[in-house]
Amino acid sequence: MTDSTPAMTVREVALYLNVNEKTVYRLAQRNELPGFKVAGAWRFRPEDIRRWVEGQKSRAPATPSKPRMEDEDKQKRKQR
C-alpha cells in the first residue's frame, strides 16, 4: 500500500465483496479476512483484500459443498 492508497472501511469491503457488513465483521473477528483495527474500527488494505479474494477462488470447490455465510444469515433471520 502506498501512502496515497487509503485503507478500506467495513462498508467499502462489504460493497466490494457484495456481502453484508456483518459478514465482514465476522470474518475479520475470526481472522479469516485480513484486516486491522484503528481506534477500535476495522480497516483493510485493498491489496490484502484482492489477494484474499484470489486465494478464495483457488480454494473454492467447483460446486459449493456448504451454504454460503450470507445464506446462513438469511436462515437465521427467518428463524427469529
N, C-alpha and C. Protein backbone atom coordinates (compact mmCIF):
# COMPACT_ATOMS: atom_id res chain seq x y z
N MET A 1 0.85 -1.16 0.00
CA MET A 1 0.00 0.00 0.00
C MET A 1 0.90 1.23 0.00
N THR A 2 0.58 2.14 -0.83
CA THR A 2 1.31 3.40 -0.82
C THR A 2 0.58 4.38 0.08
N ASP A 3 1.23 5.49 0.39
CA ASP A 3 0.59 6.48 1.24
C ASP A 3 -0.66 7.06 0.61
N SER A 4 -0.77 7.00 -0.72
CA SER A 4 -1.93 7.57 -1.38
C SER A 4 -3.11 6.60 -1.47
N THR A 5 -2.90 5.34 -1.07
CA THR A 5 -3.98 4.35 -1.10
C THR A 5 -4.58 4.24 0.30
N PRO A 6 -5.77 4.77 0.49
CA PRO A 6 -6.36 4.71 1.83
C PRO A 6 -6.86 3.30 2.16
N ALA A 7 -6.88 3.02 3.43
CA ALA A 7 -7.43 1.75 3.88
C ALA A 7 -8.93 1.75 3.64
N MET A 8 -9.48 0.56 3.41
CA MET A 8 -10.92 0.42 3.17
C MET A 8 -11.65 0.23 4.50
N THR A 9 -12.87 0.73 4.55
CA THR A 9 -13.72 0.54 5.72
C THR A 9 -14.50 -0.76 5.58
N VAL A 10 -15.19 -1.13 6.64
CA VAL A 10 -16.06 -2.31 6.60
C VAL A 10 -17.09 -2.16 5.49
N ARG A 11 -17.70 -1.00 5.40
CA ARG A 11 -18.73 -0.76 4.38
C ARG A 11 -18.14 -0.92 2.97
N GLU A 12 -16.96 -0.38 2.75
CA GLU A 12 -16.33 -0.48 1.42
C GLU A 12 -16.00 -1.93 1.07
N VAL A 13 -15.50 -2.67 2.04
CA VAL A 13 -15.18 -4.09 1.80
C VAL A 13 -16.47 -4.86 1.52
N ALA A 14 -17.52 -4.58 2.28
CA ALA A 14 -18.80 -5.25 2.07
C ALA A 14 -19.33 -4.98 0.67
N LEU A 15 -19.24 -3.75 0.22
CA LEU A 15 -19.68 -3.41 -1.14
C LEU A 15 -18.82 -4.11 -2.18
N TYR A 16 -17.51 -4.11 -1.96
CA TYR A 16 -16.58 -4.75 -2.89
C TYR A 16 -16.85 -6.25 -3.01
N LEU A 17 -17.12 -6.90 -1.88
CA LEU A 17 -17.36 -8.35 -1.87
C LEU A 17 -18.83 -8.72 -2.09
N ASN A 18 -19.69 -7.70 -2.11
CA ASN A 18 -21.13 -7.92 -2.28
C ASN A 18 -21.70 -8.81 -1.17
N VAL A 19 -21.34 -8.46 0.06
CA VAL A 19 -21.85 -9.16 1.23
C VAL A 19 -22.33 -8.14 2.25
N ASN A 20 -22.99 -8.62 3.28
CA ASN A 20 -23.47 -7.77 4.36
C ASN A 20 -22.29 -7.32 5.22
N GLU A 21 -22.39 -6.13 5.80
CA GLU A 21 -21.32 -5.64 6.68
C GLU A 21 -21.08 -6.58 7.85
N LYS A 22 -22.13 -7.22 8.35
CA LYS A 22 -21.97 -8.17 9.47
C LYS A 22 -21.05 -9.33 9.08
N THR A 23 -21.11 -9.73 7.82
CA THR A 23 -20.25 -10.81 7.34
C THR A 23 -18.79 -10.37 7.38
N VAL A 24 -18.53 -9.13 6.99
CA VAL A 24 -17.16 -8.61 7.04
C VAL A 24 -16.66 -8.59 8.48
N TYR A 25 -17.49 -8.08 9.39
CA TYR A 25 -17.10 -8.08 10.81
C TYR A 25 -16.80 -9.49 11.30
N ARG A 26 -17.66 -10.42 10.98
CA ARG A 26 -17.50 -11.80 11.44
C ARG A 26 -16.19 -12.39 10.91
N LEU A 27 -15.94 -12.24 9.62
CA LEU A 27 -14.72 -12.79 9.03
C LEU A 27 -13.47 -12.14 9.62
N ALA A 28 -13.51 -10.83 9.83
CA ALA A 28 -12.36 -10.13 10.40
C ALA A 28 -12.11 -10.58 11.84
N GLN A 29 -13.17 -10.71 12.63
CA GLN A 29 -13.02 -11.12 14.02
C GLN A 29 -12.48 -12.54 14.13
N ARG A 30 -12.80 -13.37 13.16
CA ARG A 30 -12.31 -14.76 13.14
C ARG A 30 -10.92 -14.87 12.49
N ASN A 31 -10.35 -13.74 12.11
CA ASN A 31 -9.07 -13.70 11.40
C ASN A 31 -9.12 -14.46 10.07
N GLU A 32 -10.29 -14.52 9.46
CA GLU A 32 -10.44 -15.16 8.17
C GLU A 32 -10.33 -14.15 7.04
N LEU A 33 -10.38 -12.87 7.37
CA LEU A 33 -10.27 -11.78 6.41
C LEU A 33 -9.16 -10.87 6.93
N PRO A 34 -8.17 -10.53 6.10
CA PRO A 34 -7.05 -9.72 6.59
C PRO A 34 -7.47 -8.29 6.86
N GLY A 35 -7.30 -7.87 8.10
CA GLY A 35 -7.66 -6.51 8.47
C GLY A 35 -6.96 -6.11 9.75
N PHE A 36 -7.16 -4.89 10.16
CA PHE A 36 -6.56 -4.38 11.39
C PHE A 36 -7.48 -3.31 11.95
N LYS A 37 -7.31 -3.02 13.22
CA LYS A 37 -8.14 -2.02 13.87
C LYS A 37 -7.37 -0.73 14.08
N VAL A 38 -8.06 0.39 13.85
CA VAL A 38 -7.54 1.72 14.14
C VAL A 38 -8.56 2.39 15.05
N ALA A 39 -8.14 2.69 16.26
CA ALA A 39 -9.04 3.30 17.25
C ALA A 39 -10.35 2.51 17.37
N GLY A 40 -10.24 1.18 17.33
CA GLY A 40 -11.41 0.32 17.51
C GLY A 40 -12.23 0.05 16.26
N ALA A 41 -11.86 0.67 15.14
CA ALA A 41 -12.61 0.47 13.89
C ALA A 41 -11.78 -0.38 12.93
N TRP A 42 -12.43 -1.35 12.31
CA TRP A 42 -11.74 -2.22 11.36
C TRP A 42 -11.36 -1.46 10.09
N ARG A 43 -10.15 -1.74 9.58
CA ARG A 43 -9.67 -1.19 8.31
C ARG A 43 -9.00 -2.32 7.55
N PHE A 44 -8.99 -2.19 6.23
CA PHE A 44 -8.49 -3.25 5.36
C PHE A 44 -7.65 -2.64 4.24
N ARG A 45 -6.51 -3.24 3.96
CA ARG A 45 -5.67 -2.78 2.86
C ARG A 45 -6.24 -3.37 1.57
N PRO A 46 -6.49 -2.53 0.57
CA PRO A 46 -7.09 -3.02 -0.68
C PRO A 46 -6.33 -4.19 -1.31
N GLU A 47 -5.01 -4.13 -1.30
CA GLU A 47 -4.24 -5.23 -1.91
C GLU A 47 -4.38 -6.52 -1.10
N ASP A 48 -4.52 -6.41 0.23
CA ASP A 48 -4.75 -7.61 1.05
C ASP A 48 -6.10 -8.24 0.71
N ILE A 49 -7.11 -7.41 0.50
CA ILE A 49 -8.44 -7.94 0.16
C ILE A 49 -8.40 -8.60 -1.22
N ARG A 50 -7.73 -7.97 -2.18
CA ARG A 50 -7.62 -8.58 -3.52
C ARG A 50 -6.90 -9.92 -3.45
N ARG A 51 -5.81 -9.99 -2.67
CA ARG A 51 -5.08 -11.26 -2.51
C ARG A 51 -5.95 -12.31 -1.84
N TRP A 52 -6.73 -11.88 -0.84
CA TRP A 52 -7.62 -12.80 -0.14
C TRP A 52 -8.66 -13.37 -1.10
N VAL A 53 -9.23 -12.51 -1.94
CA VAL A 53 -10.22 -12.96 -2.93
C VAL A 53 -9.59 -13.98 -3.87
N GLU A 54 -8.40 -13.69 -4.36
CA GLU A 54 -7.71 -14.63 -5.27
C GLU A 54 -7.46 -15.95 -4.57
N GLY A 55 -7.07 -15.92 -3.31
CA GLY A 55 -6.87 -17.14 -2.54
C GLY A 55 -8.14 -17.93 -2.36
N GLN A 56 -9.25 -17.22 -2.15
CA GLN A 56 -10.54 -17.89 -2.00
C GLN A 56 -10.95 -18.57 -3.30
N LYS A 57 -10.66 -17.93 -4.42
CA LYS A 57 -11.00 -18.52 -5.72
C LYS A 57 -10.26 -19.82 -5.94
N SER A 58 -8.99 -19.85 -5.57
CA SER A 58 -8.18 -21.04 -5.81
C SER A 58 -8.57 -22.18 -4.87
N ARG A 59 -9.16 -21.85 -3.72
CA ARG A 59 -9.56 -22.88 -2.76
C ARG A 59 -11.01 -23.30 -2.91
N ALA A 60 -11.80 -22.52 -3.63
CA ALA A 60 -13.24 -22.78 -3.72
C ALA A 60 -13.51 -24.00 -4.59
N PRO A 61 -14.40 -24.90 -4.12
CA PRO A 61 -14.79 -26.05 -4.94
C PRO A 61 -15.65 -25.59 -6.13
N ALA A 62 -15.70 -26.40 -7.16
CA ALA A 62 -16.49 -26.07 -8.34
C ALA A 62 -17.97 -25.94 -7.99
N THR A 63 -18.45 -26.81 -7.09
CA THR A 63 -19.83 -26.70 -6.62
C THR A 63 -19.78 -26.53 -5.11
N PRO A 64 -20.48 -25.57 -4.56
CA PRO A 64 -20.43 -25.34 -3.12
C PRO A 64 -20.88 -26.57 -2.34
N SER A 65 -20.09 -26.95 -1.33
CA SER A 65 -20.45 -28.11 -0.53
C SER A 65 -21.24 -27.73 0.72
N LYS A 66 -21.19 -26.45 1.10
CA LYS A 66 -21.97 -25.99 2.24
C LYS A 66 -22.55 -24.63 1.92
N PRO A 67 -23.59 -24.23 2.62
CA PRO A 67 -24.21 -22.93 2.34
C PRO A 67 -23.23 -21.79 2.57
N ARG A 68 -23.36 -20.75 1.76
CA ARG A 68 -22.53 -19.56 1.95
C ARG A 68 -22.94 -18.88 3.23
N MET A 69 -22.06 -18.05 3.77
CA MET A 69 -22.35 -17.34 5.02
C MET A 69 -23.58 -16.46 4.88
N GLU A 70 -23.76 -15.83 3.72
CA GLU A 70 -24.93 -14.99 3.51
C GLU A 70 -26.21 -15.82 3.59
N ASP A 71 -26.16 -17.05 3.05
CA ASP A 71 -27.31 -17.93 3.12
C ASP A 71 -27.61 -18.30 4.58
N GLU A 72 -26.53 -18.53 5.36
CA GLU A 72 -26.71 -18.84 6.77
C GLU A 72 -27.35 -17.67 7.51
N ASP A 73 -26.92 -16.45 7.17
CA ASP A 73 -27.51 -15.25 7.78
C ASP A 73 -29.00 -15.18 7.49
N LYS A 74 -29.39 -15.45 6.25
CA LYS A 74 -30.80 -15.40 5.88
C LYS A 74 -31.60 -16.44 6.66
N GLN A 75 -31.04 -17.65 6.80
CA GLN A 75 -31.73 -18.70 7.53
C GLN A 75 -31.93 -18.32 8.99
N LYS A 76 -30.90 -17.71 9.60
CA LYS A 76 -31.02 -17.30 10.99
C LYS A 76 -32.07 -16.23 11.17
N ARG A 77 -32.17 -15.30 10.21
CA ARG A 77 -33.18 -14.24 10.30
C ARG A 77 -34.58 -14.83 10.19
N LYS A 78 -34.75 -15.85 9.33
CA LYS A 78 -36.06 -16.47 9.17
C LYS A 78 -36.50 -17.17 10.45
N GLN A 79 -35.54 -17.72 11.20
CA GLN A 79 -35.85 -18.45 12.41
C GLN A 79 -36.29 -17.53 13.54
N ARG A 80 -35.93 -16.26 13.48
CA ARG A 80 -36.26 -15.31 14.56
C ARG A 80 -37.70 -14.97 14.59
